[in-house]
Amino acid sequence: MIHLKFYKQLRCLLFPALITAIAANAQNPVITHKYTADPAALVHNDSVYLYTGHDEAEKDFHFYKMKEWLVFSSADMVNWKEHKVPLKVSDFKWAKADAWAAQVIERNGKFYWYVTVTHATVPGKAIGVAVSDSPTGPFKDALGKALVTNDMTKATDISWDDLDPTVFIDDDGQAYLYWGNTVCYYAKLKENMVEFDGPIHTVDLPDFTEAPWIHKRDDWYYLSYAYQFPEKTAYAMSKSITGPWEFKGILNEIAGNSNTNHQAIINFKGKDYFIYHNGGIPTDGGSFRRSVCIDYLYYNPDGTMKRVVMTSEGVDPAD
């Protein structure tokens, strides 16, 4: 009789199409038939929608090759269904490459996807916005131009400081966009979600690299981000979404076999989850062939977060 663990591994190798709906027990990485990176997650109508980039670099290619974003859904954080590709770089006529980190949020029945791309005419990275009536798409360019281009941000001279957008709607209905590399930027969004409502600000954070993520629990706002390089995840806390932010330290250590570390934090069915990527797939995973993982997140009584314990087992089915 074939051992169950060996059967799962054999099934992944021989029948990759079956993994589009994972029906086994929890495991990390959670998606194994494609290389997935830069996770973002949205809780909507008793399901979680997982949005990722798609690493397509060849085994010996030492940079990112990313042309599209992917979306998966789950009702229990363990069994994931893959949906049709919802968005590609080519859907933004003003962009030329690089489907990098992105996040989706819902407002007034529409879903807005803030994405990182390379601009075709303005040198450097840029942030675009796509929109859909469904969390699984299809999405289309909401503006016909970039929301952020590199000539709009002057806190650093690099051309790649406009990436990794994260979006948050506060309790009063005001939306905010955070983003950045080496400098963390933020700005208010108008209710239409495709225009800024005021100037761009910066946040002073220790060793900020990239990948900001905003979430709130009780009266605390949390700003987690990729820290140093190779990247760990660190975080700060505040009583206001605009700060001041108090640095609290490392949340997640360097994720195995990946020099980047990109997180999403959600609460689903009463439990808190830390979603990240590593290079953990044995068949040639690495810094440019990454994979999304999920582990539990825990809080201390004072609201600070406990350091994440990365596991190969992952999480149990949520009920």
C-alpha atoms as a PDB file:
ATOM      1  CA  MET A   1       0.000   0.000   0.000  1.00  0.00           C
ATOM      2  CA  ILE A   2       1.374   3.443  -0.948  1.00  0.00           C
ATOM      3  CA  HIS A   3       2.089   5.656   2.053  1.00  0.00           C
ATOM      4  CA  LEU A   4      -0.227   8.673   2.075  1.00  0.00           C
ATOM      5  CA  LYS A   5       2.610  11.206   2.215  1.00  0.00           C
ATOM      6  CA  PHE A   6       4.371   9.553  -0.758  1.00  0.00           C
ATOM      7  CA  TYR A   7       1.089   9.415  -2.665  1.00  0.00           C
ATOM      8  CA  LYS A   8       0.552  13.169  -2.227  1.00  0.00           C
ATOM      9  CA  GLN A   9       4.062  13.873  -3.536  1.00  0.00           C
ATOM     10  CA  LEU A  10       3.567  11.488  -6.468  1.00  0.00           C
ATOM     11  CA  ARG A  11       0.206  13.030  -7.310  1.00  0.00           C
ATOM     12  CA  CYS A  12       1.777  16.505  -7.402  1.00  0.00           C
ATOM     13  CA  LEU A  13       4.417  15.297  -9.858  1.00  0.00           C
ATOM     14  CA  LEU A  14       2.220  13.195 -12.139  1.00  0.00           C
ATOM     15  CA  PHE A  15      -1.084  15.030 -12.045  1.00  0.00           C
ATOM     16  CA  PRO A  16      -0.427  18.741 -11.480  1.00  0.00           C
ATOM     17  CA  ALA A  17      -3.889  19.726 -12.745  1.00  0.00           C
ATOM     18  CA  LEU A  18      -5.423  18.039  -9.719  1.00  0.00           C
ATOM     19  CA  ILE A  19      -3.782  20.542  -7.417  1.00  0.00           C
ATOM     20  CA  THR A  20      -5.992  23.374  -8.697  1.00  0.00           C
ATOM     21  CA  ALA A  21      -8.413  22.215  -6.006  1.00  0.00           C
ATOM     22  CA  ILE A  22      -6.314  20.854  -3.137  1.00  0.00           C
ATOM     23  CA  ALA A  23      -8.338  18.280  -1.246  1.00  0.00           C
ATOM     24  CA  ALA A  24      -5.669  16.908   1.085  1.00  0.00           C
ATOM     25  CA  ASN A  25      -4.795  17.985   4.586  1.00  0.00           C
ATOM     26  CA  ALA A  26      -3.105  21.332   5.125  1.00  0.00           C
ATOM     27  CA  GLN A  27       0.472  21.738   3.913  1.00  0.00           C
ATOM     28  CA  ASN A  28       2.989  24.422   3.109  1.00  0.00           C
ATOM     29  CA  PRO A  29       3.375  25.623   0.455  1.00  0.00           C
ATOM     30  CA  VAL A  30      -0.384  25.739  -0.138  1.00  0.00           C
ATOM     31  CA  ILE A  31      -0.100  25.952  -3.943  1.00  0.00           C
ATOM     32  CA  THR A  32       2.340  23.492  -5.505  1.00  0.00           C
ATOM     33  CA  HIS A  33       1.497  23.238  -9.203  1.00  0.00           C
ATOM     34  CA  LYS A  34       2.638  26.820  -9.931  1.00  0.00           C
ATOM     35  CA  TYR A  35       5.179  29.138  -8.384  1.00  0.00           C
ATOM     36  CA  THR A  36       3.281  31.882  -6.527  1.00  0.00           C
ATOM     37  CA  ALA A  37       4.578  34.986  -4.772  1.00  0.00           C
ATOM     38  CA  ASP A  38       3.694  38.283  -3.069  1.00  0.00           C
ATOM     39  CA  PRO A  39       0.418  37.100  -1.511  1.00  0.00           C
ATOM     40  CA  ALA A  40      -2.503  39.334  -0.680  1.00  0.00           C
ATOM     41  CA  ALA A  41      -5.798  38.087   0.729  1.00  0.00           C
ATOM     42  CA  LEU A  42      -9.370  39.325   0.920  1.00  0.00           C
ATOM     43  CA  VAL A  43     -12.138  37.928   3.131  1.00  0.00           C
ATOM     44  CA  HIS A  44     -15.485  38.217   1.357  1.00  0.00           C
ATOM     45  CA  ASN A  45     -18.783  36.347   1.864  1.00  0.00           C
ATOM     46  CA  ASP A  46     -17.363  33.542   4.031  1.00  0.00           C
ATOM     47  CA  SER A  47     -14.497  32.845   1.638  1.00  0.00           C
ATOM     48  CA  VAL A  48     -10.890  33.935   1.365  1.00  0.00           C
ATOM     49  CA  TYR A  49      -9.570  35.112  -1.973  1.00  0.00           C
ATOM     50  CA  LEU A  50      -5.825  34.700  -2.343  1.00  0.00           C
ATOM     51  CA  TYR A  51      -4.152  36.940  -4.916  1.00  0.00           C
ATOM     52  CA  THR A  52      -0.590  36.183  -5.979  1.00  0.00           C
ATOM     53  CA  GLY A  53       2.001  36.968  -8.556  1.00  0.00           C
ATOM     54  CA  HIS A  54       3.086  34.152 -10.851  1.00  0.00           C
ATOM     55  CA  ASP A  55       6.806  33.359 -10.894  1.00  0.00           C
ATOM     56  CA  GLU A  56       7.672  31.939 -14.304  1.00  0.00           C
ATOM     57  CA  ALA A  57      11.469  32.228 -14.287  1.00  0.00           C
ATOM     58  CA  GLU A  58      13.428  29.308 -15.667  1.00  0.00           C
ATOM     59  CA  LYS A  59      15.469  27.270 -13.203  1.00  0.00           C
ATOM     60  CA  ASP A  60      18.754  29.097 -13.770  1.00  0.00           C
ATOM     61  CA  PHE A  61      17.282  32.544 -14.478  1.00  0.00           C
ATOM     62  CA  HIS A  62      18.361  34.949 -11.745  1.00  0.00           C
ATOM     63  CA  PHE A  63      15.639  37.566 -11.820  1.00  0.00           C
ATOM     64  CA  TYR A  64      11.865  37.779 -11.765  1.00  0.00           C
ATOM     65  CA  LYS A  65       9.793  36.740 -14.753  1.00  0.00           C
ATOM     66  CA  MET A  66       6.205  37.721 -13.995  1.00  0.00           C
ATOM     67  CA  LYS A  67       3.530  38.507 -16.574  1.00  0.00           C
ATOM     68  CA  GLU A  68       0.238  37.890 -14.767  1.00  0.00           C
ATOM     69  CA  TRP A  69      -1.520  37.658 -11.433  1.00  0.00           C
ATOM     70  CA  LEU A  70      -3.418  34.640 -10.115  1.00  0.00           C
ATOM     71  CA  VAL A  71      -6.426  34.199  -7.831  1.00  0.00           C
ATOM     72  CA  PHE A  72      -7.467  31.254  -5.659  1.00  0.00           C
ATOM     73  CA  SER A  73     -10.422  30.916  -3.291  1.00  0.00           C
ATOM     74  CA  SER A  74     -11.100  28.835  -0.201  1.00  0.00           C
ATOM     75  CA  ALA A  75     -13.813  28.405   2.413  1.00  0.00           C
ATOM     76  CA  ASP A  76     -11.454  26.780   4.929  1.00  0.00           C
ATOM     77  CA  MET A  77      -7.874  28.039   4.244  1.00  0.00           C
ATOM     78  CA  VAL A  78      -6.819  24.530   3.220  1.00  0.00           C
ATOM     79  CA  ASN A  79      -8.693  23.569   0.057  1.00  0.00           C
ATOM     80  CA  TRP A  80      -7.903  26.129  -2.649  1.00  0.00           C
ATOM     81  CA  LYS A  81      -9.651  26.493  -5.983  1.00  0.00           C
ATOM     82  CA  GLU A  82      -7.789  28.193  -8.806  1.00  0.00           C
ATOM     83  CA  HIS A  83      -9.793  30.560 -11.008  1.00  0.00           C
ATOM     84  CA  LYS A  84      -9.122  31.780 -14.518  1.00  0.00           C
ATOM     85  CA  VAL A  85      -6.238  34.261 -14.777  1.00  0.00           C
ATOM     86  CA  PRO A  86      -7.933  37.532 -13.767  1.00  0.00           C
ATOM     87  CA  LEU A  87      -5.350  40.142 -14.791  1.00  0.00           C
ATOM     88  CA  LYS A  88      -2.167  40.510 -16.836  1.00  0.00           C
ATOM     89  CA  VAL A  89       0.378  43.251 -17.383  1.00  0.00           C
ATOM     90  CA  SER A  90      -0.875  43.475 -20.959  1.00  0.00           C
ATOM     91  CA  ASP A  91      -4.280  44.641 -19.636  1.00  0.00           C
ATOM     92  CA  PHE A  92      -2.598  47.961 -18.807  1.00  0.00           C
ATOM     93  CA  LYS A  93      -1.808  49.506 -22.185  1.00  0.00           C
ATOM     94  CA  TRP A  94       0.580  52.017 -20.568  1.00  0.00           C
ATOM     95  CA  ALA A  95       2.662  49.296 -18.851  1.00  0.00           C
ATOM     96  CA  LYS A  96       5.343  47.108 -20.370  1.00  0.00           C
ATOM     97  CA  ALA A  97       6.409  44.466 -17.828  1.00  0.00           C
ATOM     98  CA  ASP A  98       6.528  43.011 -14.318  1.00  0.00           C
ATOM     99  CA  ALA A  99       3.357  41.778 -12.614  1.00  0.00           C
ATOM    100  CA  TRP A 100       4.726  42.432  -9.153  1.00  0.00           C
ATOM    101  CA  ALA A 101       3.063  42.718  -5.751  1.00  0.00           C
ATOM    102  CA  ALA A 102      -0.589  43.781  -5.605  1.00  0.00           C
ATOM    103  CA  GLN A 103      -3.659  43.866  -3.346  1.00  0.00           C
ATOM    104  CA  VAL A 104      -7.454  43.783  -3.831  1.00  0.00           C
ATOM    105  CA  ILE A 105     -10.078  45.528  -1.708  1.00  0.00           C
ATOM    106  CA  GLU A 106     -13.878  45.743  -2.004  1.00  0.00           C
ATOM    107  CA  ARG A 107     -15.857  48.979  -1.897  1.00  0.00           C
ATOM    108  CA  ASN A 108     -19.500  49.608  -2.823  1.00  0.00           C
ATOM    109  CA  GLY A 109     -19.807  46.251  -4.561  1.00  0.00           C
ATOM    110  CA  LYS A 110     -16.725  46.672  -6.732  1.00  0.00           C
ATOM    111  CA  PHE A 111     -13.275  45.173  -6.316  1.00  0.00           C
ATOM    112  CA  TYR A 112     -10.219  47.355  -6.805  1.00  0.00           C
ATOM    113  CA  TRP A 113      -6.825  45.806  -7.515  1.00  0.00           C
ATOM    114  CA  TYR A 114      -3.719  47.940  -6.922  1.00  0.00           C
ATOM    115  CA  VAL A 115      -0.762  46.509  -8.812  1.00  0.00           C
ATOM    116  CA  THR A 116       2.952  47.062  -9.409  1.00  0.00           C
ATOM    117  CA  VAL A 117       4.209  47.224 -13.006  1.00  0.00           C
ATOM    118  CA  THR A 118       6.981  48.830 -15.033  1.00  0.00           C
ATOM    119  CA  HIS A 119       5.752  51.893 -16.902  1.00  0.00           C
ATOM    120  CA  ALA A 120       6.209  51.936 -20.668  1.00  0.00           C
ATOM    121  CA  THR A 121       7.070  55.638 -21.005  1.00  0.00           C
ATOM    122  CA  VAL A 122       7.797  57.040 -17.537  1.00  0.00           C
ATOM    123  CA  PRO A 123      11.047  55.439 -16.315  1.00  0.00           C
ATOM    124  CA  GLY A 124      10.631  53.211 -13.289  1.00  0.00           C
ATOM    125  CA  LYS A 125       8.001  51.259 -11.450  1.00  0.00           C
ATOM    126  CA  ALA A 126       4.399  52.443 -11.301  1.00  0.00           C
ATOM    127  CA  ILE A 127       1.149  51.564  -9.541  1.00  0.00           C
ATOM    128  CA  GLY A 128      -2.012  50.898 -11.517  1.00  0.00           C
ATOM    129  CA  VAL A 129      -5.613  50.161 -10.515  1.00  0.00           C
ATOM    130  CA  ALA A 130      -7.903  47.549 -12.014  1.00  0.00           C
ATOM    131  CA  VAL A 131     -11.576  47.026 -11.219  1.00  0.00           C
ATOM    132  CA  SER A 132     -14.105  44.205 -11.377  1.00  0.00           C
ATOM    133  CA  ASP A 133     -17.619  43.349 -10.236  1.00  0.00           C
ATOM    134  CA  SER A 134     -16.323  40.016  -8.913  1.00  0.00           C
ATOM    135  CA  PRO A 135     -13.427  39.088  -6.613  1.00  0.00           C
ATOM    136  CA  THR A 136     -12.291  36.574  -9.220  1.00  0.00           C
ATOM    137  CA  GLY A 137     -12.493  38.966 -12.166  1.00  0.00           C
ATOM    138  CA  PRO A 138     -12.033  39.516 -14.951  1.00  0.00           C
ATOM    139  CA  PHE A 139     -10.449  42.846 -14.011  1.00  0.00           C
ATOM    140  CA  LYS A 140      -9.886  45.791 -16.322  1.00  0.00           C
ATOM    141  CA  ASP A 141      -7.827  48.964 -16.097  1.00  0.00           C
ATOM    142  CA  ALA A 142      -9.867  51.429 -14.028  1.00  0.00           C
ATOM    143  CA  LEU A 143      -7.977  54.579 -15.033  1.00  0.00           C
ATOM    144  CA  GLY A 144      -6.320  54.078 -18.394  1.00  0.00           C
ATOM    145  CA  LYS A 145      -3.144  55.458 -16.818  1.00  0.00           C
ATOM    146  CA  ALA A 146      -1.010  54.924 -13.727  1.00  0.00           C
ATOM    147  CA  LEU A 147      -2.133  56.089 -10.310  1.00  0.00           C
ATOM    148  CA  VAL A 148       1.494  56.528  -9.217  1.00  0.00           C
ATOM    149  CA  THR A 149       4.565  57.070 -11.395  1.00  0.00           C
ATOM    150  CA  ASN A 150       8.169  57.452 -10.327  1.00  0.00           C
ATOM    151  CA  ASP A 151       8.264  61.168 -11.088  1.00  0.00           C
ATOM    152  CA  MET A 152       5.618  61.736  -8.373  1.00  0.00           C
ATOM    153  CA  THR A 153       7.793  60.484  -5.495  1.00  0.00           C
ATOM    154  CA  LYS A 154      11.017  62.314  -4.640  1.00  0.00           C
ATOM    155  CA  ALA A 155      12.084  60.935  -1.254  1.00  0.00           C
ATOM    156  CA  THR A 156      14.684  58.734  -2.948  1.00  0.00           C
ATOM    157  CA  ASP A 157      16.413  58.808  -6.333  1.00  0.00           C
ATOM    158  CA  ILE A 158      15.860  55.137  -7.159  1.00  0.00           C
ATOM    159  CA  SER A 159      13.448  54.188  -9.942  1.00  0.00           C
ATOM    160  CA  TRP A 160      11.824  51.299  -8.077  1.00  0.00           C
ATOM    161  CA  ASP A 161      10.415  53.011  -4.979  1.00  0.00           C
ATOM    162  CA  ASP A 162       6.818  52.894  -6.277  1.00  0.00           C
ATOM    163  CA  LEU A 163       5.822  49.291  -5.719  1.00  0.00           C
ATOM    164  CA  ASP A 164       4.059  46.898  -3.338  1.00  0.00           C
ATOM    165  CA  PRO A 165       0.784  48.801  -2.791  1.00  0.00           C
ATOM    166  CA  THR A 166      -1.402  47.954   0.180  1.00  0.00           C
ATOM    167  CA  VAL A 167      -4.838  49.500   0.637  1.00  0.00           C
ATOM    168  CA  PHE A 168      -6.957  49.925   3.764  1.00  0.00           C
ATOM    169  CA  ILE A 169     -10.374  51.485   4.449  1.00  0.00           C
ATOM    170  CA  ASP A 170     -10.580  52.923   7.947  1.00  0.00           C
ATOM    171  CA  ASP A 171     -13.651  52.779  10.192  1.00  0.00           C
ATOM    172  CA  ASP A 172     -14.723  56.276   9.101  1.00  0.00           C
ATOM    173  CA  GLY A 173     -14.739  55.219   5.443  1.00  0.00           C
ATOM    174  CA  GLN A 174     -11.502  56.972   4.514  1.00  0.00           C
ATOM    175  CA  ALA A 175      -9.290  54.823   2.273  1.00  0.00           C
ATOM    176  CA  TYR A 176      -5.492  54.899   2.324  1.00  0.00           C
ATOM    177  CA  LEU A 177      -2.832  53.551  -0.003  1.00  0.00           C
ATOM    178  CA  TYR A 178       0.605  52.633   1.363  1.00  0.00           C
ATOM    179  CA  TRP A 179       3.518  51.551  -0.848  1.00  0.00           C
ATOM    180  CA  GLY A 180       7.244  51.863  -1.371  1.00  0.00           C
ATOM    181  CA  ASN A 181      10.778  50.508  -1.536  1.00  0.00           C
ATOM    182  CA  THR A 182      13.471  51.932   0.793  1.00  0.00           C
ATOM    183  CA  VAL A 183      10.920  54.676   1.559  1.00  0.00           C
ATOM    184  CA  CYS A 184       7.384  54.004   2.783  1.00  0.00           C
ATOM    185  CA  TYR A 185       4.792  56.315   1.212  1.00  0.00           C
ATOM    186  CA  TYR A 186       1.100  56.789   1.885  1.00  0.00           C
ATOM    187  CA  ALA A 187      -1.764  58.928   0.622  1.00  0.00           C
ATOM    188  CA  LYS A 188      -5.509  59.229   1.111  1.00  0.00           C
ATOM    189  CA  LEU A 189      -7.769  57.899  -1.634  1.00  0.00           C
ATOM    190  CA  LYS A 190     -11.024  59.497  -2.736  1.00  0.00           C
ATOM    191  CA  GLU A 191     -14.175  57.433  -2.384  1.00  0.00           C
ATOM    192  CA  ASN A 192     -13.902  56.482  -6.068  1.00  0.00           C
ATOM    193  CA  MET A 193     -10.695  54.601  -5.109  1.00  0.00           C
ATOM    194  CA  VAL A 194      -8.828  55.732  -8.231  1.00  0.00           C
ATOM    195  CA  GLU A 195      -7.691  59.227  -7.237  1.00  0.00           C
ATOM    196  CA  PHE A 196      -5.618  60.615  -4.398  1.00  0.00           C
ATOM    197  CA  ASP A 197      -7.308  62.974  -1.966  1.00  0.00           C
ATOM    198  CA  GLY A 198      -4.343  65.035  -0.825  1.00  0.00           C
ATOM    199  CA  PRO A 199      -0.543  64.906  -0.865  1.00  0.00           C
ATOM    200  CA  ILE A 200       1.797  61.919  -0.667  1.00  0.00           C
ATOM    201  CA  HIS A 201       3.425  61.473   2.758  1.00  0.00           C
ATOM    202  CA  THR A 202       6.329  59.350   4.015  1.00  0.00           C
ATOM    203  CA  VAL A 203       6.611  57.133   7.096  1.00  0.00           C
ATOM    204  CA  ASP A 204       9.870  56.809   9.035  1.00  0.00           C
ATOM    205  CA  LEU A 205      10.398  53.096   9.755  1.00  0.00           C
ATOM    206  CA  PRO A 206      13.623  51.290  10.768  1.00  0.00           C
ATOM    207  CA  ASP A 207      15.285  49.399   7.890  1.00  0.00           C
ATOM    208  CA  PHE A 208      12.187  49.601   5.689  1.00  0.00           C
ATOM    209  CA  THR A 209      12.757  47.638   2.476  1.00  0.00           C
ATOM    210  CA  GLU A 210       9.319  47.104   0.887  1.00  0.00           C
ATOM    211  CA  ALA A 211       6.032  45.171   1.178  1.00  0.00           C
ATOM    212  CA  PRO A 212       3.955  47.269   3.601  1.00  0.00           C
ATOM    213  CA  TRP A 213       0.691  45.743   4.835  1.00  0.00           C
ATOM    214  CA  ILE A 214      -1.879  47.544   6.982  1.00  0.00           C
ATOM    215  CA  HIS A 215      -4.370  45.798   9.244  1.00  0.00           C
ATOM    216  CA  LYS A 216      -6.323  46.707  12.379  1.00  0.00           C
ATOM    217  CA  ARG A 217      -7.259  44.744  15.495  1.00  0.00           C
ATOM    218  CA  ASP A 218      -9.262  46.295  18.304  1.00  0.00           C
ATOM    219  CA  ASP A 219      -7.885  49.828  18.739  1.00  0.00           C
ATOM    220  CA  TRP A 220      -4.474  49.111  17.212  1.00  0.00           C
ATOM    221  CA  TYR A 221      -3.269  49.681  13.671  1.00  0.00           C
ATOM    222  CA  TYR A 222      -0.420  47.479  12.469  1.00  0.00           C
ATOM    223  CA  LEU A 223       2.054  48.299   9.721  1.00  0.00           C
ATOM    224  CA  SER A 224       4.116  45.253   8.827  1.00  0.00           C
ATOM    225  CA  TYR A 225       6.814  45.339   6.169  1.00  0.00           C
ATOM    226  CA  ALA A 226       9.837  43.648   4.640  1.00  0.00           C
ATOM    227  CA  TYR A 227      12.820  44.507   6.822  1.00  0.00           C
ATOM    228  CA  GLN A 228      16.497  44.597   5.782  1.00  0.00           C
ATOM    229  CA  PHE A 229      17.816  42.242   3.068  1.00  0.00           C
ATOM    230  CA  PRO A 230      17.592  39.298   2.776  1.00  0.00           C
ATOM    231  CA  GLU A 231      14.192  40.210   4.069  1.00  0.00           C
ATOM    232  CA  LYS A 232      12.632  39.467   7.413  1.00  0.00           C
ATOM    233  CA  THR A 233       9.197  40.865   8.306  1.00  0.00           C
ATOM    234  CA  ALA A 234       9.028  43.551  10.992  1.00  0.00           C
ATOM    235  CA  TYR A 235       6.137  45.666  12.237  1.00  0.00           C
ATOM    236  CA  ALA A 236       5.091  48.854  13.989  1.00  0.00           C
ATOM    237  CA  MET A 237       1.917  49.798  15.870  1.00  0.00           C
ATOM    238  CA  SER A 238      -0.132  52.962  16.217  1.00  0.00           C
ATOM    239  CA  LYS A 239      -3.451  54.215  17.528  1.00  0.00           C
ATOM    240  CA  SER A 240      -3.915  56.044  14.197  1.00  0.00           C
ATOM    241  CA  ILE A 241      -3.504  54.855  10.636  1.00  0.00           C
ATOM    242  CA  THR A 242      -1.340  57.905   9.932  1.00  0.00           C
ATOM    243  CA  GLY A 243       0.893  57.328  12.938  1.00  0.00           C
ATOM    244  CA  PRO A 244       3.014  58.014  14.849  1.00  0.00           C
ATOM    245  CA  TRP A 245       4.227  54.430  14.475  1.00  0.00           C
ATOM    246  CA  GLU A 246       6.124  52.619  17.231  1.00  0.00           C
ATOM    247  CA  PHE A 247       8.516  49.945  16.001  1.00  0.00           C
ATOM    248  CA  LYS A 248       7.923  46.571  17.661  1.00  0.00           C
ATOM    249  CA  GLY A 249      10.539  44.314  16.083  1.00  0.00           C
ATOM    250  CA  ILE A 250      10.700  41.223  13.926  1.00  0.00           C
ATOM    251  CA  LEU A 251       7.508  39.316  13.153  1.00  0.00           C
ATOM    252  CA  ASN A 252       8.822  36.719  10.699  1.00  0.00           C
ATOM    253  CA  GLU A 253      12.354  35.502  10.095  1.00  0.00           C
ATOM    254  CA  ILE A 254      13.930  35.013   6.669  1.00  0.00           C
ATOM    255  CA  ALA A 255      11.633  32.621   4.806  1.00  0.00           C
ATOM    256  CA  GLY A 256      13.494  29.540   3.610  1.00  0.00           C
ATOM    257  CA  ASN A 257      15.365  29.726   0.289  1.00  0.00           C
ATOM    258  CA  SER A 258      13.967  33.169  -0.617  1.00  0.00           C
ATOM    259  CA  ASN A 259      15.679  36.526  -0.249  1.00  0.00           C
ATOM    260  CA  THR A 260      12.300  38.319  -0.226  1.00  0.00           C
ATOM    261  CA  ASN A 261       9.546  38.122   2.379  1.00  0.00           C
ATOM    262  CA  HIS A 262       6.062  39.398   1.573  1.00  0.00           C
ATOM    263  CA  GLN A 263       3.098  39.072   3.927  1.00  0.00           C
ATOM    264  CA  ALA A 264      -0.665  39.351   4.158  1.00  0.00           C
ATOM    265  CA  ILE A 265      -2.467  39.268   7.513  1.00  0.00           C
ATOM    266  CA  ILE A 266      -6.150  38.394   7.869  1.00  0.00           C
ATOM    267  CA  ASN A 267      -8.696  37.168  10.397  1.00  0.00           C
ATOM    268  CA  PHE A 268     -11.020  34.454   9.113  1.00  0.00           C
ATOM    269  CA  LYS A 269     -13.662  32.575  11.085  1.00  0.00           C
ATOM    270  CA  GLY A 270     -12.171  33.729  14.362  1.00  0.00           C
ATOM    271  CA  LYS A 271      -8.531  32.866  13.687  1.00  0.00           C
ATOM    272  CA  ASP A 272      -5.630  35.025  12.585  1.00  0.00           C
ATOM    273  CA  TYR A 273      -3.415  34.039   9.672  1.00  0.00           C
ATOM    274  CA  PHE A 274      -0.006  35.070   8.396  1.00  0.00           C
ATOM    275  CA  ILE A 275       0.316  34.479   4.648  1.00  0.00           C
ATOM    276  CA  TYR A 276       3.776  34.710   3.085  1.00  0.00           C
ATOM    277  CA  HIS A 277       6.027  33.153   0.475  1.00  0.00           C
ATOM    278  CA  ASN A 278       9.204  31.110   0.543  1.00  0.00           C
ATOM    279  CA  GLY A 279      11.265  29.149  -1.958  1.00  0.00           C
ATOM    280  CA  GLY A 280      10.219  25.872  -0.435  1.00  0.00           C
ATOM    281  CA  ILE A 281       9.070  23.677  -3.339  1.00  0.00           C
ATOM    282  CA  PRO A 282      11.769  20.971  -3.589  1.00  0.00           C
ATOM    283  CA  THR A 283      11.631  20.934  -7.389  1.00  0.00           C
ATOM    284  CA  ASP A 284      13.808  24.002  -7.965  1.00  0.00           C
ATOM    285  CA  GLY A 285      12.053  26.531  -5.755  1.00  0.00           C
ATOM    286  CA  GLY A 286      14.004  29.645  -4.838  1.00  0.00           C
ATOM    287  CA  SER A 287      14.116  33.438  -4.769  1.00  0.00           C
ATOM    288  CA  PHE A 288      12.657  33.721  -8.286  1.00  0.00           C
ATOM    289  CA  ARG A 289      10.435  30.624  -8.070  1.00  0.00           C
ATOM    290  CA  ARG A 290       8.540  31.261  -4.843  1.00  0.00           C
ATOM    291  CA  SER A 291       5.556  29.638  -3.173  1.00  0.00           C
ATOM    292  CA  VAL A 292       2.798  30.902  -0.889  1.00  0.00           C
ATOM    293  CA  CYS A 293       2.519  29.489   2.630  1.00  0.00           C
ATOM    294  CA  ILE A 294       0.077  30.048   5.510  1.00  0.00           C
ATOM    295  CA  ASP A 295       0.647  29.814   9.256  1.00  0.00           C
ATOM    296  CA  TYR A 296      -1.199  31.022  12.331  1.00  0.00           C
ATOM    297  CA  LEU A 297      -0.640  34.456  13.818  1.00  0.00           C
ATOM    298  CA  TYR A 298      -0.982  35.050  17.561  1.00  0.00           C
ATOM    299  CA  TYR A 299      -1.237  38.212  19.677  1.00  0.00           C
ATOM    300  CA  ASN A 300      -0.012  38.999  23.177  1.00  0.00           C
ATOM    301  CA  PRO A 301      -2.417  40.509  25.753  1.00  0.00           C
ATOM    302  CA  ASP A 302      -0.947  43.974  25.138  1.00  0.00           C
ATOM    303  CA  GLY A 303      -1.744  43.773  21.420  1.00  0.00           C
ATOM    304  CA  THR A 304       1.766  43.051  20.191  1.00  0.00           C
ATOM    305  CA  MET A 305       2.146  40.140  17.799  1.00  0.00           C
ATOM    306  CA  LYS A 306       4.056  36.983  18.612  1.00  0.00           C
ATOM    307  CA  ARG A 307       6.792  35.960  16.213  1.00  0.00           C
ATOM    308  CA  VAL A 308       5.422  33.717  13.479  1.00  0.00           C
ATOM    309  CA  VAL A 309       6.344  30.046  13.606  1.00  0.00           C
ATOM    310  CA  MET A 310       6.800  28.871  10.024  1.00  0.00           C
ATOM    311  CA  THR A 311       5.744  25.253   9.529  1.00  0.00           C
ATOM    312  CA  SER A 312       5.602  22.639   6.813  1.00  0.00           C
ATOM    313  CA  GLU A 313       2.245  21.396   8.142  1.00  0.00           C
ATOM    314  CA  GLY A 314       0.446  24.711   7.672  1.00  0.00           C
ATOM    315  CA  VAL A 315      -2.967  25.314   9.244  1.00  0.00           C
ATOM    316  CA  ASP A 316      -5.995  23.189  10.028  1.00  0.00           C
ATOM    317  CA  PRO A 317      -9.257  23.612   8.090  1.00  0.00           C
ATOM    318  CA  ALA A 318     -11.219  26.620   9.374  1.00  0.00           C
ATOM    319  CA  ASP A 319     -14.801  25.907  10.365  1.00  0.00           C
END
